[in-house]
PDB file of N, CA and C in Angstrom:
ATOM      1  N   MET A   1      86.124 127.110 118.616  1.00  0.00           N
ATOM      2  CA  MET A   1      87.528 127.494 117.477  1.00  0.00           C
ATOM      3  C   MET A   1      88.313 126.371 117.612  1.00  0.00           C
ATOM      4  N   PRO A   2      88.042 125.607 116.618  1.00  0.00           N
ATOM      5  CA  PRO A   2      89.390 124.495 116.090  1.00  0.00           C
ATOM      6  C   PRO A   2      90.791 124.429 117.124  1.00  0.00           C
ATOM      7  N   PRO A   3      91.602 123.903 117.485  1.00  0.00           N
ATOM      8  CA  PRO A   3      92.812 124.016 117.511  1.00  0.00           C
ATOM      9  C   PRO A   3      93.312 122.970 116.676  1.00  0.00           C
ATOM     10  N   ASN A   4      94.284 124.153 115.899  1.00  0.00           N
ATOM     11  CA  ASN A   4      95.309 122.917 114.501  1.00  0.00           C
ATOM     12  C   ASN A   4      94.739 122.633 113.866  1.00  0.00           C
ATOM     13  N   SER A   5      93.437 122.634 112.987  1.00  0.00           N
ATOM     14  CA  SER A   5      92.998 122.119 112.707  1.00  0.00           C
ATOM     15  C   SER A   5      92.307 122.766 111.247  1.00  0.00           C
ATOM     16  N   GLY A   6      91.404 123.992 111.658  1.00  0.00           N
ATOM     17  CA  GLY A   6      90.588 125.022 110.491  1.00  0.00           C
ATOM     18  C   GLY A   6      89.513 124.607 110.474  1.00  0.00           C
ATOM     19  N   CYS A   7      88.835 123.357 110.819  1.00  0.00           N
ATOM     20  CA  CYS A   7      87.528 122.171 110.624  1.00  0.00           C
ATOM     21  C   CYS A   7      86.925 122.628 111.984  1.00  0.00           C
ATOM     22  N   GLY A   8      85.951 122.312 111.823  1.00  0.00           N
ATOM     23  CA  GLY A   8      85.345 122.478 113.094  1.00  0.00           C
ATOM     24  C   GLY A   8      84.393 120.950 113.753  1.00  0.00           C
ATOM     25  N   GLU A   9      84.994 119.902 112.711  1.00  0.00           N
ATOM     26  CA  GLU A   9      84.758 118.809 113.143  1.00  0.00           C
ATOM     27  C   GLU A   9      85.951 117.833 113.997  1.00  0.00           C
ATOM     28  N   ILE A  10      87.214 118.807 113.719  1.00  0.00           N
ATOM     29  CA  ILE A  10      88.467 118.179 113.865  1.00  0.00           C
ATOM     30  C   ILE A  10      88.385 118.519 115.567  1.00  0.00           C
ATOM     31  N   ALA A  11      89.036 117.673 116.229  1.00  0.00           N
ATOM     32  CA  ALA A  11      89.274 118.094 117.380  1.00  0.00           C
ATOM     33  C   ALA A  11      90.828 118.649 117.701  1.00  0.00           C
ATOM     34  N   LEU A  12      91.315 116.918 117.223  1.00  0.00           N
ATOM     35  CA  LEU A  12      93.260 117.463 117.503  1.00  0.00           C
ATOM     36  C   LEU A  12      93.827 116.620 115.930  1.00  0.00           C
ATOM     37  N   VAL A  13      94.433 117.226 115.407  1.00  0.00           N
ATOM     38  CA  VAL A  13      95.922 116.610 114.860  1.00  0.00           C
ATOM     39  C   VAL A  13      96.991 117.020 115.123  1.00  0.00           C
ATOM     40  N   TYR A  14      97.572 114.847 115.197  1.00  0.00           N
ATOM     41  CA  TYR A  14      98.977 115.131 115.674  1.00  0.00           C
ATOM     42  C   TYR A  14      99.941 114.458 114.605  1.00  0.00           C
ATOM     43  N   PRO A  15     100.822 114.073 114.950  1.00  0.00           N
ATOM     44  CA  PRO A  15     102.219 113.637 114.173  1.00  0.00           C
ATOM     45  C   PRO A  15     102.079 112.024 114.795  1.00  0.00           C
ATOM     46  N   CYS A  16     102.335 111.264 114.272  1.00  0.00           N
ATOM     47  CA  CYS A  16     102.212 109.978 114.354  1.00  0.00           C
ATOM     48  C   CYS A  16     104.052 108.316 114.380  1.00  0.00           C
ATOM     49  N   THR A  17     104.504 107.970 114.719  1.00  0.00           N
ATOM     50  CA  THR A  17     105.140 107.709 114.003  1.00  0.00           C
ATOM     51  C   THR A  17     105.195 106.501 115.152  1.00  0.00           C
ATOM     52  N   ASP A  18     104.936 106.340 116.122  1.00  0.00           N
ATOM     53  CA  ASP A  18     104.677 105.019 117.167  1.00  0.00           C
ATOM     54  C   ASP A  18     105.892 103.108 116.542  1.00  0.00           C
ATOM     55  N   ASP A  19     105.278 103.256 115.293  1.00  0.00           N
ATOM     56  CA  ASP A  19     105.431 101.640 114.706  1.00  0.00           C
ATOM     57  C   ASP A  19     106.253 101.536 114.098  1.00  0.00           C
ATOM     58  N   GLY A  20     106.928 103.632 113.165  1.00  0.00           N
ATOM     59  CA  GLY A  20     107.618 103.706 112.105  1.00  0.00           C
ATOM     60  C   GLY A  20     108.128 103.895 110.847  1.00  0.00           C
ATOM     61  N   HIS A  21     106.202 103.708 110.924  1.00  0.00           N
ATOM     62  CA  HIS A  21     105.918 104.399 109.693  1.00  0.00           C
ATOM     63  C   HIS A  21     105.799 105.927 109.765  1.00  0.00           C
ATOM     64  N   PRO A  22     105.747 106.605 109.237  1.00  0.00           N
ATOM     65  CA  PRO A  22     105.652 108.262 109.476  1.00  0.00           C
ATOM     66  C   PRO A  22     103.650 108.665 108.551  1.00  0.00           C
ATOM     67  N   GLY A  23     102.982 109.274 109.079  1.00  0.00           N
ATOM     68  CA  GLY A  23     101.698 109.688 109.178  1.00  0.00           C
ATOM     69  C   GLY A  23     101.624 110.684 110.075  1.00  0.00           C
ATOM     70  N   PHE A  24      99.713 111.245 110.690  1.00  0.00           N
ATOM     71  CA  PHE A  24      99.886 111.711 110.759  1.00  0.00           C
ATOM     72  C   PHE A  24      97.828 111.552 111.770  1.00  0.00           C
ATOM     73  N   GLY A  25      97.676 112.331 112.390  1.00  0.00           N
ATOM     74  CA  GLY A  25      96.848 111.414 113.546  1.00  0.00           C
ATOM     75  C   GLY A  25      95.402 112.308 113.382  1.00  0.00           C
ATOM     76  N   LEU A  26      93.972 112.268 113.180  1.00  0.00           N
ATOM     77  CA  LEU A  26      93.046 113.217 113.263  1.00  0.00           C
ATOM     78  C   LEU A  26      92.464 112.348 114.745  1.00  0.00           C
ATOM     79  N   GLN A  27      92.089 113.053 114.859  1.00  0.00           N
ATOM     80  CA  GLN A  27      90.669 112.745 116.146  1.00  0.00           C
ATOM     81  C   GLN A  27      89.800 113.948 116.401  1.00  0.00           C
ATOM     82  N   PHE A  28      88.181 113.106 115.997  1.00  0.00           N
ATOM     83  CA  PHE A  28      87.437 114.467 116.347  1.00  0.00           C
ATOM     84  C   PHE A  28      86.172 114.592 117.423  1.00  0.00           C
ATOM     85  N   HIS A  29      85.685 115.068 117.400  1.00  0.00           N
ATOM     86  CA  HIS A  29      84.814 115.383 118.210  1.00  0.00           C
ATOM     87  C   HIS A  29      83.833 114.764 118.591  1.00  0.00           C
ATOM     88  N   ASN A  30      83.595 113.450 117.379  1.00  0.00           N
ATOM     89  CA  ASN A  30      82.472 112.174 117.928  1.00  0.00           C
ATOM     90  C   ASN A  30      83.669 111.814 118.374  1.00  0.00           C
ATOM     91  N   GLY A  31      84.321 111.798 118.642  1.00  0.00           N
ATOM     92  CA  GLY A  31      85.667 110.140 119.165  1.00  0.00           C
ATOM     93  C   GLY A  31      86.494 109.547 118.250  1.00  0.00           C
ATOM     94  N   ALA A  32      86.043 109.157 116.932  1.00  0.00           N
ATOM     95  CA  ALA A  32      86.324 109.069 116.116  1.00  0.00           C
ATOM     96  C   ALA A  32      87.666 109.028 115.678  1.00  0.00           C
ATOM     97  N   ARG A  33      88.673 108.135 115.203  1.00  0.00           N
ATOM     98  CA  ARG A  33      90.056 108.288 114.985  1.00  0.00           C
ATOM     99  C   ARG A  33      90.330 107.945 113.841  1.00  0.00           C
ATOM    100  N   VAL A  34      91.126 108.603 112.987  1.00  0.00           N
ATOM    101  CA  VAL A  34      92.532 108.352 111.926  1.00  0.00           C
ATOM    102  C   VAL A  34      93.159 108.675 111.337  1.00  0.00           C
ATOM    103  N   PHE A  35      94.264 107.592 111.219  1.00  0.00           N
ATOM    104  CA  PHE A  35      95.123 107.641 110.850  1.00  0.00           C
ATOM    105  C   PHE A  35      95.862 107.524 109.925  1.00  0.00           C
ATOM    106  N   CYS A  36      96.778 108.605 109.400  1.00  0.00           N
ATOM    107  CA  CYS A  36      97.168 109.113 107.423  1.00  0.00           C
ATOM    108  C   CYS A  36      98.426 108.608 107.533  1.00  0.00           C
ATOM    109  N   LEU A  37      98.502 107.154 106.834  1.00  0.00           N
ATOM    110  CA  LEU A  37     100.441 106.900 106.848  1.00  0.00           C
ATOM    111  C   LEU A  37     100.549 107.603 105.173  1.00  0.00           C
ATOM    112  N   PHE A  38     101.610 107.970 105.669  1.00  0.00           N
ATOM    113  CA  PHE A  38     102.757 108.979 104.393  1.00  0.00           C
ATOM    114  C   PHE A  38     103.604 107.283 103.581  1.00  0.00           C
ATOM    115  N   VAL A  39     103.769 107.129 102.137  1.00  0.00           N
ATOM    116  CA  VAL A  39     103.629 105.655 101.627  1.00  0.00           C
ATOM    117  C   VAL A  39     105.356 106.729 101.068  1.00  0.00           C
ATOM    118  N   HIS A  40     104.734 107.710 100.144  1.00  0.00           N
ATOM    119  CA  HIS A  40     106.472 107.535  99.986  1.00  0.00           C
ATOM    120  C   HIS A  40     106.386 109.693  99.375  1.00  0.00           C
ATOM    121  N   SER A  41     107.475 109.787  99.033  1.00  0.00           N
ATOM    122  CA  SER A  41     107.662 111.560  99.536  1.00  0.00           C
ATOM    123  C   SER A  41     108.013 111.687  98.153  1.00  0.00           C
ATOM    124  N   ALA A  42     107.596 113.329  97.733  1.00  0.00           N
ATOM    125  CA  ALA A  42     109.335 113.737  96.665  1.00  0.00           C
ATOM    126  C   ALA A  42     108.641 115.108  96.264  1.00  0.00           C
ATOM    127  N   ARG A  43     109.748 115.610  96.018  1.00  0.00           N
ATOM    128  CA  ARG A  43     109.991 116.519  95.486  1.00  0.00           C
ATOM    129  C   ARG A  43     109.139 117.054  94.683  1.00  0.00           C
ATOM    130  N   PRO A  44     108.651 118.855  94.219  1.00  0.00           N
ATOM    131  CA  PRO A  44     108.684 118.306  91.967  1.00  0.00           C
ATOM    132  C   PRO A  44     109.539 117.789  91.438  1.00  0.00           C
ATOM    133  N   GLY A  45     109.427 117.079  90.507  1.00  0.00           N
ATOM    134  CA  GLY A  45     110.609 116.236  89.544  1.00  0.00           C
ATOM    135  C   GLY A  45     111.431 115.688  89.739  1.00  0.00           C
ATOM    136  N   GLN A  46     110.916 114.864  91.251  1.00  0.00           N
ATOM    137  CA  GLN A  46     112.191 113.645  91.937  1.00  0.00           C
ATOM    138  C   GLN A  46     111.148 112.245  92.076  1.00  0.00           C
ATOM    139  N   SER A  47     111.776 111.455  92.299  1.00  0.00           N
ATOM    140  CA  SER A  47     111.121 110.277  92.235  1.00  0.00           C
ATOM    141  C   SER A  47     111.389 109.669  94.237  1.00  0.00           C
ATOM    142  N   PRO A  48     109.876 109.166  93.500  1.00  0.00           N
ATOM    143  CA  PRO A  48     109.233 108.587  94.824  1.00  0.00           C
ATOM    144  C   PRO A  48     110.656 108.354  96.306  1.00  0.00           C
ATOM    145  N   GLY A  49     110.211 108.376  96.517  1.00  0.00           N
ATOM    146  CA  GLY A  49     111.383 107.753  98.070  1.00  0.00           C
ATOM    147  C   GLY A  49     110.687 106.052  98.462  1.00  0.00           C
ATOM    148  N   VAL A  50     111.695 105.332  98.854  1.00  0.00           N
ATOM    149  CA  VAL A  50     111.261 104.270  99.300  1.00  0.00           C
ATOM    150  C   VAL A  50     110.320 104.176  99.934  1.00  0.00           C
ATOM    151  N   LYS A  51     109.659 103.315 100.088  1.00  0.00           N
ATOM    152  CA  LYS A  51     108.046 103.370 100.941  1.00  0.00           C
ATOM    153  C   LYS A  51     108.608 103.780 102.517  1.00  0.00           C
ATOM    154  N   TYR A  52     107.257 104.201 102.740  1.00  0.00           N
ATOM    155  CA  TYR A  52     107.360 104.550 104.874  1.00  0.00           C
ATOM    156  C   TYR A  52     108.451 104.423 104.701  1.00  0.00           C
ATOM    157  N   GLU A  53     109.805 105.694 104.170  1.00  0.00           N
ATOM    158  CA  GLU A  53     110.819 106.815 104.500  1.00  0.00           C
ATOM    159  C   GLU A  53     110.468 107.907 103.544  1.00  0.00           C
ATOM    160  N   LEU A  54     110.648 108.813 104.970  1.00  0.00           N
ATOM    161  CA  LEU A  54     110.346 110.170 104.261  1.00  0.00           C
ATOM    162  C   LEU A  54     112.282 110.979 103.761  1.00  0.00           C
ATOM    163  N   GLN A  55     112.037 111.354 102.891  1.00  0.00           N
ATOM    164  CA  GLN A  55     113.544 112.569 102.296  1.00  0.00           C
ATOM    165  C   GLN A  55     113.042 113.430 103.127  1.00  0.00           C
ATOM    166  N   ALA A  56     114.962 113.047 103.003  1.00  0.00           N
ATOM    167  CA  ALA A  56     115.362 114.450 104.060  1.00  0.00           C
ATOM    168  C   ALA A  56     113.942 115.892 103.995  1.00  0.00           C
ATOM    169  N   ALA A  57     114.442 116.256 102.766  1.00  0.00           N
ATOM    170  CA  ALA A  57     112.800 117.189 102.339  1.00  0.00           C
ATOM    171  C   ALA A  57     112.304 117.322 101.750  1.00  0.00           C
ATOM    172  N   PHE A  58     110.997 117.169 101.284  1.00  0.00           N
ATOM    173  CA  PHE A  58     109.807 117.211 100.032  1.00  0.00           C
ATOM    174  C   PHE A  58     108.699 118.336  99.783  1.00  0.00           C
TER     175      PHE A  58
END
């Protein structure tokens, strides 16, 4: 059973903010890695925030 992902191909999902840009990473069982970067965040009806800065709640 895969930990914390719900997909058998994904070995690990983890938060990333090492370079100051918020996002998350995926590590696959075959060794491949992916980083997903949050560029904008917003709640419904709200304008996107400043690039790479998460709003307090979105």
